[in-house]
Amino acid sequence: MKAKNKKIFTAAIYAIILIAYFIGFSVVFNIKNVLGIGHYYGEKDFSINMDGASCGLNIEMYAIHRSLYEHDFGYMITTFSNGDVELEGIEYLFYTVRSPSSIKRFLDTSYNPPIHTHSVNARTRLYQSDNLTIQGHANVTFKINDVFETRTISFDLGIIIELDGEVINYEFGNISTWLNVLYISFTVVPMMLFYRSIRRLKFDTWYNDEFEVRDKKFFEILSRKKKAAE
């Protein structure tokens, strides 16, 4: 490998290392999200037997810590059917979403045409040891051998908020801050190496170009002197 190509290759390696460091910086800065700290999730099927097939509702629920006691939360209610049972959907839905401190959501509505999925995403205040629950029932219509049958399916799902917002903000916030301080200090090393390799490459390019011009002028002068001597 030529010396110039080797220097270009070295600069490229340092550039890749530097990019990796910056990616790592964003990971460290969001360490609690990367580790799933403050993320809570629950899922459960509520099924009935119809014509030998399992049919019913799937409930998913989540909460994500955002700042102090503020949490994003949401849930999704999805109908499902198996075998020869055809799914028409939810015709009536009633539920209450609550925590020990307050009611977060309430719904009592009918659907025409029936729906297959109902979902909500919102934000609320939640505290350590809170049990965020969704309770209710749905009238779901199925089709078996061209006959429509509507069944009432009850559901009840909850997730526990395990960590206090102050604990997450203080402990894991400080961890992120100090890790980033250390991380940035180490980032200086590849930045300096990358800078030096670029400076050296620029100098070598200038040096080679300068000598190429001088050599050209030297040979031109030498050629003229040779012709004059003849």
Protein backbone atom coordinates (compact mmCIF):
# COMPACT_ATOMS: atom_id res chain seq x y z
CA MET A 1 0.00 0.00 0.00
CA LYS A 2 1.39 3.43 -0.96
CA ALA A 3 2.19 5.85 1.86
CA LYS A 4 -0.51 8.32 0.78
CA ASN A 5 -3.16 5.60 0.49
CA LYS A 6 -2.15 4.29 3.89
CA LYS A 7 -2.67 7.74 5.44
CA ILE A 8 -6.09 8.03 3.76
CA PHE A 9 -7.02 4.60 5.12
CA THR A 10 -5.87 5.63 8.63
CA ALA A 11 -7.93 8.84 8.48
CA ALA A 12 -11.00 6.84 7.38
CA ILE A 13 -10.56 4.42 10.31
CA TYR A 14 -10.36 7.32 12.77
CA ALA A 15 -13.46 8.88 11.19
CA ILE A 16 -15.41 5.64 11.66
CA ILE A 17 -14.27 5.41 15.29
CA LEU A 18 -15.34 9.02 15.84
CA ILE A 19 -18.79 8.39 14.35
CA ALA A 20 -19.14 5.31 16.58
CA TYR A 21 -18.27 7.46 19.60
CA PHE A 22 -20.98 9.99 18.74
CA ILE A 23 -23.53 7.21 18.30
CA GLY A 24 -22.46 5.85 21.67
CA PHE A 25 -22.91 9.34 23.14
CA SER A 26 -26.58 9.38 22.11
CA VAL A 27 -27.02 5.88 23.61
CA VAL A 28 -25.43 6.89 26.92
CA PHE A 29 -27.45 10.11 27.04
CA ASN A 30 -30.64 8.03 26.78
CA ILE A 31 -29.42 5.22 29.02
CA LYS A 32 -32.69 4.86 30.94
CA ASN A 33 -34.65 4.46 27.70
CA VAL A 34 -32.10 2.02 26.28
CA LEU A 35 -32.28 -0.09 29.44
CA GLY A 36 -36.09 0.18 29.51
CA ILE A 37 -36.12 1.99 32.88
CA GLY A 38 -39.52 3.55 33.45
CA HIS A 39 -41.16 1.46 30.72
CA TYR A 40 -44.15 -0.65 31.79
CA TYR A 41 -46.15 -3.01 29.60
CA GLY A 42 -48.91 -5.57 29.94
CA GLU A 43 -50.81 -7.79 27.51
CA LYS A 44 -53.53 -10.40 27.87
CA ASP A 45 -56.03 -12.36 25.77
CA PHE A 46 -59.67 -12.62 26.89
CA SER A 47 -61.16 -15.43 24.87
CA ILE A 48 -64.30 -17.53 24.57
CA ASN A 49 -64.90 -20.84 22.82
CA MET A 50 -67.00 -20.67 19.67
CA ASP A 51 -67.55 -23.75 17.52
CA GLY A 52 -64.36 -25.24 18.93
CA ALA A 53 -62.29 -22.12 18.15
CA SER A 54 -60.76 -19.57 20.51
CA CYS A 55 -62.08 -16.06 19.79
CA GLY A 56 -62.11 -12.84 21.74
CA LEU A 57 -60.14 -9.72 22.61
CA ASN A 58 -56.46 -8.97 22.98
CA ILE A 59 -55.64 -6.07 25.33
CA GLU A 60 -52.27 -4.28 25.36
CA MET A 61 -51.35 -1.49 27.77
CA TYR A 62 -48.20 0.56 28.36
CA ALA A 63 -46.84 3.49 30.37
CA ILE A 64 -43.53 5.31 29.78
CA HIS A 65 -41.91 7.71 32.25
CA ARG A 66 -41.21 11.11 30.69
CA SER A 67 -40.52 13.70 33.39
CA LEU A 68 -40.94 13.45 37.16
CA TYR A 69 -44.51 12.12 37.44
CA GLU A 70 -45.57 12.65 33.83
CA HIS A 71 -46.06 9.43 31.83
CA ASP A 72 -47.15 8.66 28.31
CA PHE A 73 -49.67 5.83 28.43
CA GLY A 74 -51.87 3.99 26.02
CA TYR A 75 -53.80 0.83 25.28
CA MET A 76 -55.11 -1.12 22.32
CA ILE A 77 -58.11 -3.43 22.16
CA THR A 78 -58.00 -5.85 19.23
CA THR A 79 -60.49 -8.54 18.24
CA PHE A 80 -59.39 -11.94 16.98
CA SER A 81 -60.92 -15.22 15.77
CA ASN A 82 -59.63 -18.62 14.70
CA GLY A 83 -60.77 -21.59 12.68
CA ASP A 84 -63.96 -21.28 10.67
CA VAL A 85 -65.25 -18.42 12.80
CA GLU A 86 -65.37 -15.13 10.88
CA LEU A 87 -64.90 -11.87 12.73
CA GLU A 88 -67.35 -9.01 12.28
CA GLY A 89 -66.00 -6.79 15.06
CA ILE A 90 -66.92 -4.77 18.15
CA GLU A 91 -70.45 -3.35 18.12
CA TYR A 92 -70.45 -1.94 21.65
CA LEU A 93 -67.56 -1.02 23.94
CA PHE A 94 -67.52 0.10 27.55
CA TYR A 95 -64.45 0.58 29.74
CA THR A 96 -62.83 2.67 32.46
CA VAL A 97 -59.11 3.40 32.69
CA ARG A 98 -58.09 4.45 36.18
CA SER A 99 -55.27 4.71 38.68
CA PRO A 100 -55.67 4.96 42.49
CA SER A 101 -55.68 8.75 42.24
CA SER A 102 -58.12 9.36 39.37
CA ILE A 103 -60.08 8.12 36.36
CA LYS A 104 -57.92 8.57 33.27
CA ARG A 105 -60.37 7.57 30.55
CA PHE A 106 -63.99 6.52 30.21
CA LEU A 107 -65.78 5.17 27.14
CA ASP A 108 -69.33 3.99 26.51
CA THR A 109 -70.15 3.83 22.81
CA SER A 110 -71.60 1.76 19.98
CA TYR A 111 -70.09 1.19 16.54
CA ASN A 112 -71.82 0.79 13.20
CA PRO A 113 -70.18 -0.71 11.26
CA PRO A 114 -68.31 -2.79 13.86
CA ILE A 115 -64.62 -2.07 14.46
CA HIS A 116 -61.72 -4.50 14.83
CA THR A 117 -59.32 -2.29 16.79
CA HIS A 118 -59.64 0.54 19.30
CA SER A 119 -56.54 2.37 20.58
CA VAL A 120 -55.71 5.45 22.67
CA ASN A 121 -52.43 7.27 23.44
CA ALA A 122 -52.34 10.03 26.04
CA ARG A 123 -50.34 11.54 28.93
CA THR A 124 -51.06 11.59 32.65
CA ARG A 125 -49.51 11.79 36.13
CA LEU A 126 -48.62 8.47 37.73
CA TYR A 127 -46.84 7.67 40.98
CA GLN A 128 -44.79 4.82 42.38
CA SER A 129 -46.87 1.68 43.13
CA ASP A 130 -49.83 3.00 41.13
CA ASN A 131 -51.85 0.26 39.45
CA LEU A 132 -52.99 1.58 36.07
CA THR A 133 -55.95 -0.56 35.03
CA ILE A 134 -58.43 -0.90 32.20
CA GLN A 135 -61.72 -2.66 33.00
CA GLY A 136 -64.81 -3.13 30.90
CA HIS A 137 -66.59 -5.30 28.38
CA ALA A 138 -67.34 -5.43 24.66
CA ASN A 139 -70.11 -6.89 22.53
CA VAL A 140 -68.28 -8.68 19.73
CA THR A 141 -70.08 -10.16 16.71
CA PHE A 142 -68.83 -13.31 14.98
CA LYS A 143 -70.11 -15.20 11.96
CA ILE A 144 -70.41 -19.00 12.05
CA ASN A 145 -71.85 -20.82 9.05
CA ASP A 146 -73.52 -17.59 7.81
CA VAL A 147 -75.10 -17.07 11.24
CA PHE A 148 -74.21 -13.93 13.23
CA GLU A 149 -73.62 -14.35 16.94
CA THR A 150 -72.86 -11.54 19.39
CA ARG A 151 -71.05 -12.33 22.62
CA THR A 152 -70.19 -10.10 25.58
CA ILE A 153 -66.52 -10.39 26.54
CA SER A 154 -65.26 -8.84 29.77
CA PHE A 155 -61.67 -7.70 30.29
CA ASP A 156 -59.51 -6.47 33.14
CA LEU A 157 -55.80 -5.62 32.76
CA GLY A 158 -53.40 -3.63 34.93
CA ILE A 159 -49.74 -2.56 35.06
CA ILE A 160 -47.79 -1.48 38.14
CA ILE A 161 -45.69 1.72 38.12
CA GLU A 162 -42.66 0.33 39.93
CA LEU A 163 -40.30 3.33 40.20
CA ASP A 164 -40.97 6.81 41.52
CA GLY A 165 -40.37 9.61 39.00
CA GLU A 166 -38.00 11.39 41.40
CA VAL A 167 -35.86 8.24 41.70
CA ILE A 168 -35.65 7.89 37.91
CA ASN A 169 -34.89 11.58 37.33
CA TYR A 170 -32.28 11.80 40.09
CA GLU A 171 -30.47 8.46 40.06
CA PHE A 172 -30.61 7.53 36.40
CA GLY A 173 -30.45 11.17 35.29
CA ASN A 174 -27.21 11.58 37.24
CA ILE A 175 -25.86 8.31 35.86
CA SER A 176 -26.51 9.55 32.32
CA THR A 177 -24.85 12.90 33.10
CA TRP A 178 -21.68 11.43 34.62
CA LEU A 179 -21.39 8.74 31.96
CA ASN A 180 -21.59 11.43 29.32
CA VAL A 181 -18.90 13.52 31.05
CA LEU A 182 -16.57 10.51 31.06
CA TYR A 183 -17.59 9.53 27.55
CA ILE A 184 -16.94 12.99 26.11
CA SER A 185 -13.52 13.11 27.80
CA PHE A 186 -12.58 9.86 26.08
CA THR A 187 -13.97 11.14 22.78
CA VAL A 188 -11.18 13.73 22.74
CA VAL A 189 -8.65 10.96 21.96
CA PRO A 190 -10.13 9.78 18.61
CA MET A 191 -10.93 13.41 17.72
CA MET A 192 -7.26 14.38 18.19
CA LEU A 193 -6.05 11.34 16.25
CA PHE A 194 -8.49 12.09 13.43
CA TYR A 195 -7.44 15.76 13.37
CA ARG A 196 -3.73 14.84 13.30
CA SER A 197 -4.26 12.32 10.49
CA ILE A 198 -6.11 14.92 8.40
CA ARG A 199 -3.40 17.53 9.05
CA ARG A 200 -0.69 15.03 8.10
CA LEU A 201 -2.57 14.02 4.95
CA LYS A 202 -3.02 17.67 3.93
CA PHE A 203 0.67 18.38 4.57
CA ASP A 204 1.79 15.36 2.57
CA THR A 205 -0.47 16.36 -0.30
CA TRP A 206 0.92 19.91 -0.28
CA TYR A 207 4.49 18.63 0.10
CA ASN A 208 4.17 16.23 -2.83
CA ASP A 209 2.48 18.83 -5.03
CA GLU A 210 5.14 21.40 -4.15
CA PHE A 211 7.96 19.02 -5.04
CA GLU A 212 6.20 17.99 -8.23
CA VAL A 213 6.12 21.64 -9.34
CA ARG A 214 9.77 22.14 -8.36
CA ASP A 215 10.83 18.97 -10.14
CA LYS A 216 8.98 20.04 -13.27
CA LYS A 217 10.65 23.45 -13.24
CA PHE A 218 14.05 21.84 -12.57
CA PHE A 219 13.75 19.47 -15.53
CA GLU A 220 12.55 22.30 -17.76
CA ILE A 221 15.62 24.36 -16.84
CA LEU A 222 17.86 21.32 -17.29
CA SER A 223 16.30 20.63 -20.69
CA ARG A 224 16.87 24.23 -21.81
CA LYS A 225 20.51 24.17 -20.69
CA LYS A 226 21.05 20.87 -22.52
CA LYS A 227 19.62 22.30 -25.74
CA ALA A 228 21.73 25.46 -25.37
CA ALA A 229 24.90 23.35 -24.91
CA GLU A 230 24.16 21.49 -28.13
